[in-house]
């Protein structure tokens, strides 16, 4: 996020222009603005509240801290089809058959790998992914993915002699 106002333009990523000198008695107004995928959680120090605007009377040296956090979004995997299999994620969190939903930070790249059980084959992805290779999604919102597995039907020929 960014804190701006009265000569301050402080970004959480760059950390530049975060200090300013003011004459005694000056009223400084600062505003916290979030980056995409972030939430402003509040001020500490000379301001101690969750409103986006902080007003400080400069009667002495003052310090304020604006706290931002990355939003998290759920990635949900469901298994479908006549066959069996599992899906795992990198970074870890999803191990579907057992744990099929995980929250990931905004902007995280998550890779899903499907593995078919013996006697089954992986047919493909649905939802936020398509195809039959690994599924890669960037978490900018809640996403759902379906992994479909098909049963391999084995036919044993009957031979008469």
C-alpha atoms as a PDB file:
ATOM      1  CA  UNK A   1       0.000   0.000   0.000  1.00  0.00           C
ATOM      2  CA  UNK A   2       0.860   3.681   0.005  1.00  0.00           C
ATOM      3  CA  UNK A   3       0.728   6.417   2.621  1.00  0.00           C
ATOM      4  CA  UNK A   4       0.475   9.898   1.129  1.00  0.00           C
ATOM      5  CA  UNK A   5      -0.213  13.482   2.136  1.00  0.00           C
ATOM      6  CA  UNK A   6       1.520  16.707   3.190  1.00  0.00           C
ATOM      7  CA  UNK A   7       4.860  15.876   1.513  1.00  0.00           C
ATOM      8  CA  UNK A   8       4.800  12.130   2.228  1.00  0.00           C
ATOM      9  CA  UNK A   9       4.457   9.553  -0.548  1.00  0.00           C
ATOM     10  CA  UNK A  10       5.561   6.318   1.119  1.00  0.00           C
ATOM     11  CA  UNK A  11       5.060   2.977  -0.625  1.00  0.00           C
ATOM     12  CA  UNK A  12       5.313  -0.351   1.162  1.00  0.00           C
ATOM     13  CA  UNK A  13       7.374  -1.846  -1.656  1.00  0.00           C
ATOM     14  CA  UNK A  14       9.926   0.968  -2.112  1.00  0.00           C
ATOM     15  CA  UNK A  15       9.943   2.596   1.340  1.00  0.00           C
ATOM     16  CA  UNK A  16      10.977   5.962  -0.123  1.00  0.00           C
ATOM     17  CA  UNK A  17       9.729   9.435   0.861  1.00  0.00           C
ATOM     18  CA  UNK A  18       8.517   8.164   4.230  1.00  0.00           C
ATOM     19  CA  UNK A  19       9.960  10.950   6.427  1.00  0.00           C
ATOM     20  CA  UNK A  20       9.251  14.688   6.440  1.00  0.00           C
ATOM     21  CA  UNK A  21      10.088  17.581   8.755  1.00  0.00           C
ATOM     22  CA  UNK A  22       7.265  19.973   9.763  1.00  0.00           C
ATOM     23  CA  UNK A  23       7.150  23.170  11.811  1.00  0.00           C
ATOM     24  CA  UNK A  24       5.775  22.810  15.352  1.00  0.00           C
ATOM     25  CA  UNK A  25       1.988  23.082  15.433  1.00  0.00           C
ATOM     26  CA  UNK A  26       1.473  21.772  11.881  1.00  0.00           C
ATOM     27  CA  UNK A  27      -1.463  19.419  11.420  1.00  0.00           C
ATOM     28  CA  UNK A  28      -0.424  16.569   9.070  1.00  0.00           C
ATOM     29  CA  UNK A  29      -3.050  14.505   7.293  1.00  0.00           C
ATOM     30  CA  UNK A  30      -1.989  11.119   5.905  1.00  0.00           C
ATOM     31  CA  UNK A  31      -4.077   8.743   3.807  1.00  0.00           C
ATOM     32  CA  UNK A  32      -3.502   4.993   3.460  1.00  0.00           C
ATOM     33  CA  UNK A  33      -4.303   3.527   0.023  1.00  0.00           C
ATOM     34  CA  UNK A  34      -4.200  -0.186  -0.732  1.00  0.00           C
ATOM     35  CA  UNK A  35      -2.508  -1.891  -3.653  1.00  0.00           C
ATOM     36  CA  UNK A  36      -4.569  -4.439  -5.607  1.00  0.00           C
ATOM     37  CA  UNK A  37      -4.989  -7.601  -3.561  1.00  0.00           C
ATOM     38  CA  UNK A  38      -4.225  -5.892  -0.226  1.00  0.00           C
ATOM     39  CA  UNK A  39      -6.210  -4.641   2.736  1.00  0.00           C
ATOM     40  CA  UNK A  40      -5.357  -1.763   5.058  1.00  0.00           C
ATOM     41  CA  UNK A  41      -5.610  -3.075   8.635  1.00  0.00           C
ATOM     42  CA  UNK A  42      -4.835   0.053  10.648  1.00  0.00           C
ATOM     43  CA  UNK A  43      -2.434   2.602  12.071  1.00  0.00           C
ATOM     44  CA  UNK A  44      -0.184   2.415  15.098  1.00  0.00           C
ATOM     45  CA  UNK A  45       1.978   5.014  16.789  1.00  0.00           C
ATOM     46  CA  UNK A  46       0.703   8.623  16.749  1.00  0.00           C
ATOM     47  CA  UNK A  47      -2.505   7.316  15.123  1.00  0.00           C
ATOM     48  CA  UNK A  48      -4.131   4.196  16.475  1.00  0.00           C
ATOM     49  CA  UNK A  49      -7.264   3.318  14.509  1.00  0.00           C
ATOM     50  CA  UNK A  50      -8.441   1.596  11.340  1.00  0.00           C
ATOM     51  CA  UNK A  51      -9.758   4.596   9.380  1.00  0.00           C
ATOM     52  CA  UNK A  52      -7.815   5.255   6.169  1.00  0.00           C
ATOM     53  CA  UNK A  53      -7.076   8.873   7.190  1.00  0.00           C
ATOM     54  CA  UNK A  54      -4.654   9.732  10.000  1.00  0.00           C
ATOM     55  CA  UNK A  55      -4.340  13.280  11.361  1.00  0.00           C
ATOM     56  CA  UNK A  56      -1.301  14.139  13.498  1.00  0.00           C
ATOM     57  CA  UNK A  57      -0.593  17.375  15.376  1.00  0.00           C
ATOM     58  CA  UNK A  58       3.152  18.011  15.236  1.00  0.00           C
ATOM     59  CA  UNK A  59       3.821  19.014  18.850  1.00  0.00           C
ATOM     60  CA  UNK A  60       6.912  16.785  18.985  1.00  0.00           C
ATOM     61  CA  UNK A  61       8.667  14.237  16.768  1.00  0.00           C
ATOM     62  CA  UNK A  62       5.983  11.745  15.723  1.00  0.00           C
ATOM     63  CA  UNK A  63       5.951   8.333  14.111  1.00  0.00           C
ATOM     64  CA  UNK A  64       3.072   6.413  12.549  1.00  0.00           C
ATOM     65  CA  UNK A  65       2.952   2.966  11.004  1.00  0.00           C
ATOM     66  CA  UNK A  66       0.383   1.899   8.425  1.00  0.00           C
ATOM     67  CA  UNK A  67      -0.179  -1.861   8.289  1.00  0.00           C
ATOM     68  CA  UNK A  68      -1.305  -3.653   5.145  1.00  0.00           C
ATOM     69  CA  UNK A  69      -1.861  -7.353   4.543  1.00  0.00           C
ATOM     70  CA  UNK A  70      -2.168  -9.415   1.393  1.00  0.00           C
ATOM     71  CA  UNK A  71      -5.632 -10.774   0.744  1.00  0.00           C
ATOM     72  CA  UNK A  72      -5.992 -14.532   0.570  1.00  0.00           C
ATOM     73  CA  UNK A  73      -8.295 -16.395  -1.780  1.00  0.00           C
ATOM     74  CA  UNK A  74      -9.427 -20.041  -1.717  1.00  0.00           C
ATOM     75  CA  UNK A  75      -8.447 -22.512  -4.418  1.00  0.00           C
ATOM     76  CA  UNK A  76     -10.878 -25.449  -4.452  1.00  0.00           C
ATOM     77  CA  UNK A  77     -10.284 -28.716  -6.284  1.00  0.00           C
ATOM     78  CA  UNK A  78     -12.947 -31.316  -6.952  1.00  0.00           C
ATOM     79  CA  UNK A  79     -12.481 -34.803  -8.341  1.00  0.00           C
ATOM     80  CA  UNK A  80     -14.853 -36.147 -11.005  1.00  0.00           C
ATOM     81  CA  UNK A  81     -15.320 -39.020 -13.415  1.00  0.00           C
ATOM     82  CA  UNK A  82     -15.527 -42.794 -13.233  1.00  0.00           C
ATOM     83  CA  UNK A  83     -11.869 -43.276 -12.298  1.00  0.00           C
ATOM     84  CA  UNK A  84      -9.791 -42.402  -9.279  1.00  0.00           C
ATOM     85  CA  UNK A  85      -6.847 -40.156  -8.599  1.00  0.00           C
ATOM     86  CA  UNK A  86      -5.473 -37.310  -6.553  1.00  0.00           C
ATOM     87  CA  UNK A  87      -4.313 -33.718  -7.004  1.00  0.00           C
ATOM     88  CA  UNK A  88      -1.444 -32.024  -5.163  1.00  0.00           C
ATOM     89  CA  UNK A  89      -0.216 -28.427  -5.205  1.00  0.00           C
ATOM     90  CA  UNK A  90       3.011 -26.449  -5.289  1.00  0.00           C
ATOM     91  CA  UNK A  91       3.300 -24.538  -3.009  1.00  0.00           C
ATOM     92  CA  UNK A  92       1.950 -27.200  -0.645  1.00  0.00           C
ATOM     93  CA  UNK A  93      -1.540 -27.055   0.780  1.00  0.00           C
ATOM     94  CA  UNK A  94      -3.757 -29.120  -1.487  1.00  0.00           C
ATOM     95  CA  UNK A  95      -3.599 -32.902  -1.309  1.00  0.00           C
ATOM     96  CA  UNK A  96      -6.974 -33.746  -2.793  1.00  0.00           C
ATOM     97  CA  UNK A  97      -8.446 -36.809  -1.963  1.00  0.00           C
ATOM     98  CA  UNK A  98      -7.894 -35.561   1.631  1.00  0.00           C
ATOM     99  CA  UNK A  99      -7.540 -31.739   1.595  1.00  0.00           C
ATOM    100  CA  UNK A 100      -9.142 -30.150  -1.483  1.00  0.00           C
ATOM    101  CA  UNK A 101      -9.241 -26.446  -0.523  1.00  0.00           C
ATOM    102  CA  UNK A 102      -6.483 -24.055   0.506  1.00  0.00           C
ATOM    103  CA  UNK A 103      -6.152 -20.282   0.867  1.00  0.00           C
ATOM    104  CA  UNK A 104      -3.293 -18.620  -1.035  1.00  0.00           C
ATOM    105  CA  UNK A 105      -1.952 -15.062  -0.959  1.00  0.00           C
ATOM    106  CA  UNK A 106      -2.994 -12.655  -3.710  1.00  0.00           C
ATOM    107  CA  UNK A 107      -0.682 -13.005  -6.699  1.00  0.00           C
ATOM    108  CA  UNK A 108       0.596 -16.480  -5.741  1.00  0.00           C
ATOM    109  CA  UNK A 109       1.279 -18.854  -8.616  1.00  0.00           C
ATOM    110  CA  UNK A 110      -0.112 -22.290  -7.718  1.00  0.00           C
ATOM    111  CA  UNK A 111       0.641 -25.393  -9.753  1.00  0.00           C
ATOM    112  CA  UNK A 112      -1.656 -28.423  -9.512  1.00  0.00           C
ATOM    113  CA  UNK A 113      -0.561 -31.918 -10.519  1.00  0.00           C
ATOM    114  CA  UNK A 114      -3.037 -34.740 -11.134  1.00  0.00           C
ATOM    115  CA  UNK A 115      -2.005 -38.376 -10.598  1.00  0.00           C
ATOM    116  CA  UNK A 116      -4.331 -41.182 -11.674  1.00  0.00           C
ATOM    117  CA  UNK A 117      -4.807 -44.272  -9.520  1.00  0.00           C
ATOM    118  CA  UNK A 118      -3.906 -47.680 -10.925  1.00  0.00           C
ATOM    119  CA  UNK A 119      -6.609 -48.685 -13.383  1.00  0.00           C
ATOM    120  CA  UNK A 120      -7.486 -45.055 -14.146  1.00  0.00           C
ATOM    121  CA  UNK A 121      -6.281 -42.277 -16.409  1.00  0.00           C
ATOM    122  CA  UNK A 122      -6.362 -38.495 -16.003  1.00  0.00           C
ATOM    123  CA  UNK A 123      -8.836 -37.091 -18.560  1.00  0.00           C
ATOM    124  CA  UNK A 124      -8.320 -33.360 -18.011  1.00  0.00           C
ATOM    125  CA  UNK A 125      -9.060 -30.190 -16.103  1.00  0.00           C
ATOM    126  CA  UNK A 126     -12.210 -28.113 -15.867  1.00  0.00           C
ATOM    127  CA  UNK A 127     -13.015 -24.786 -14.266  1.00  0.00           C
ATOM    128  CA  UNK A 128     -10.043 -22.401 -13.985  1.00  0.00           C
ATOM    129  CA  UNK A 129      -7.801 -24.813 -15.970  1.00  0.00           C
ATOM    130  CA  UNK A 130      -8.012 -26.745 -19.221  1.00  0.00           C
ATOM    131  CA  UNK A 131      -5.961 -29.460 -20.868  1.00  0.00           C
ATOM    132  CA  UNK A 132      -4.186 -32.467 -19.420  1.00  0.00           C
ATOM    133  CA  UNK A 133      -0.827 -31.041 -18.286  1.00  0.00           C
ATOM    134  CA  UNK A 134      -0.165 -29.456 -14.916  1.00  0.00           C
ATOM    135  CA  UNK A 135      -2.653 -26.710 -14.033  1.00  0.00           C
ATOM    136  CA  UNK A 136      -1.160 -23.290 -13.158  1.00  0.00           C
ATOM    137  CA  UNK A 137      -3.280 -20.492 -11.704  1.00  0.00           C
ATOM    138  CA  UNK A 138      -2.452 -17.044 -10.347  1.00  0.00           C
ATOM    139  CA  UNK A 139      -4.526 -16.279  -7.273  1.00  0.00           C
ATOM    140  CA  UNK A 140      -6.311 -12.968  -7.831  1.00  0.00           C
ATOM    141  CA  UNK A 141      -9.732 -14.241  -6.770  1.00  0.00           C
ATOM    142  CA  UNK A 142     -11.404 -17.404  -5.452  1.00  0.00           C
ATOM    143  CA  UNK A 143     -10.899 -20.198  -8.019  1.00  0.00           C
ATOM    144  CA  UNK A 144     -12.316 -23.684  -8.574  1.00  0.00           C
ATOM    145  CA  UNK A 145     -10.733 -26.496 -10.576  1.00  0.00           C
ATOM    146  CA  UNK A 146     -12.099 -29.936 -11.450  1.00  0.00           C
ATOM    147  CA  UNK A 147      -9.829 -32.903 -12.170  1.00  0.00           C
ATOM    148  CA  UNK A 148     -11.546 -35.660 -14.123  1.00  0.00           C
ATOM    149  CA  UNK A 149     -10.339 -39.261 -14.030  1.00  0.00           C
ATOM    150  CA  UNK A 150     -11.621 -42.135 -16.191  1.00  0.00           C
ATOM    151  CA  UNK A 151     -11.583 -45.798 -15.358  1.00  0.00           C
ATOM    152  CA  UNK A 152      -9.561 -47.937 -17.732  1.00  0.00           C
ATOM    153  CA  UNK A 153     -11.751 -50.785 -18.836  1.00  0.00           C
ATOM    154  CA  UNK A 154      -9.654 -53.829 -19.407  1.00  0.00           C
ATOM    155  CA  UNK A 155     -11.051 -56.344 -21.813  1.00  0.00           C
ATOM    156  CA  UNK A 156      -9.618 -59.818 -21.754  1.00  0.00           C
ATOM    157  CA  UNK A 157     -10.248 -61.627 -25.004  1.00  0.00           C
ATOM    158  CA  UNK A 158     -11.908 -64.969 -24.737  1.00  0.00           C
ATOM    159  CA  UNK A 159     -10.298 -67.405 -27.124  1.00  0.00           C
ATOM    160  CA  UNK A 160     -11.990 -70.663 -28.014  1.00  0.00           C
ATOM    161  CA  UNK A 161      -9.960 -73.536 -29.350  1.00  0.00           C
END
